[in-house]
Amino acid sequence: MARDIRALSKAQIQEYFESIGEPKFRAKQVYEWLWQKGAKDFDQMTNLSLSLRDKMKADFVINHIRVDQMQRSEDGTIKNAVRLYDGKIVESVLIPTDTRITACISSQVGCSLDCNFCATARLKRMRNLNPDEIYDQVVAIQNEAESFFGRPLTNIVFMGMGEPLMNYHNVLAAIEKITSPEGLGMSPRRITVSTVGLSKMIRKLADEDPKFKLALSLHSARDEVRDQIMSINLKNPVGDLIEALQYWYQQTKSRVTLEYVVWRDINDKPEDIEALVQFCKQVPTKVNLIEYNPIDDGMFQQADFAAVEAYQQALQAVGVVATVRRSRGKDIDAACGQLANKNELLSES
């Protein structure tokens, strides 16, 4: 089977051209087509001779994604069902507001975690996404932003399907391409990687001195609660997370964003609020209080808004920025926690 040319570095592409008697500068030309211009096949590389393009087609493939289905929400949100080269499907989302357009990107096919409130967790993890597959999701949404809104993509969040820190190297490789002048040239400050809280990997990431932002899907600062809703907490308890995030801040000087859903009768009590306040006193953070998006389970129900307000007021009283986030794209199952490849699942049933 032919190799995917985008799995090669620029140096390796240069070696290839030298091996077939072509000048070195061909590597730069091809690299620009692949990563700046988003070429989907070799015939688009019009500054190469036909014979050279045919030679490359014989030696390589470009495993480009395809947007199989695009759904548009009443609020403008767009959800893409993205088919990969091997036929597997992931979902990505374009989220428009008055001031920004955000791409919510997947990093795995399915998910190996089992957070009880998340639809994606019901899908078994089939494989990690390659760097180019992550990159292609961003390019697709960038094109949609221009086509439908006449505005550029401004932000990227790794909050789609999968746990980014369980696909560590490929996620970092994709971000390098997205931020490189030889790629999309986006500022890393406009990229946020979200994790459920893998303490060891947060420390490892901090040592890379990344320029992008980190978000933690917390939802409770009490082990007895978090153990029940997110089994990952059994191996990464709250105390370990605090130490890992303190290390993150020490290394990067970047505040962590806490993503926090308030559910009725699960984490809406005064002791839950106090636990989060104490957590935030130990780690420089800001908090997004997120509206819950049901996945047909009776166990998880959006708490009364009074409970959300109580959280916000308690956090603000100790100087923590706390924002209430309204969900977007709920009518097309594109909101936070709802990505589950429903169309693909239905087609298989």
Foldseek 3Di string as FASTA:
>chain_A
DAAAVVVDDLVVVQVVCVVVPHHSCVSLLVLLCVFVVPDQALVVSVVDDPVVSVVCVVRHHHFAKDFPDWDADPQGKIKTFIQTSVGQTFIKIWDDDPPAIEIAFEFFRAECWCQPQFQSVVDHTDGTDALNHRLNSQVVNQVVCCVPPVDGHQAYEPQTGYFCLVVPPRVVVNVCSCCDPSHVVHDLCRYEYEHCADLVSLLVVLVVLGPHAYEHADQFLDLVLCCVRTVVCVVVPNVSRLVSQVSSCVRHVHAYEYEHEDWPPRQLDPVRLVSVLVSCVSHPYAYEHEARQGPPDPVGDHDDVVSVVVSCVSNVVVPHHYHYDYWPDSVVLPTRSRTNPVVVVVVVD
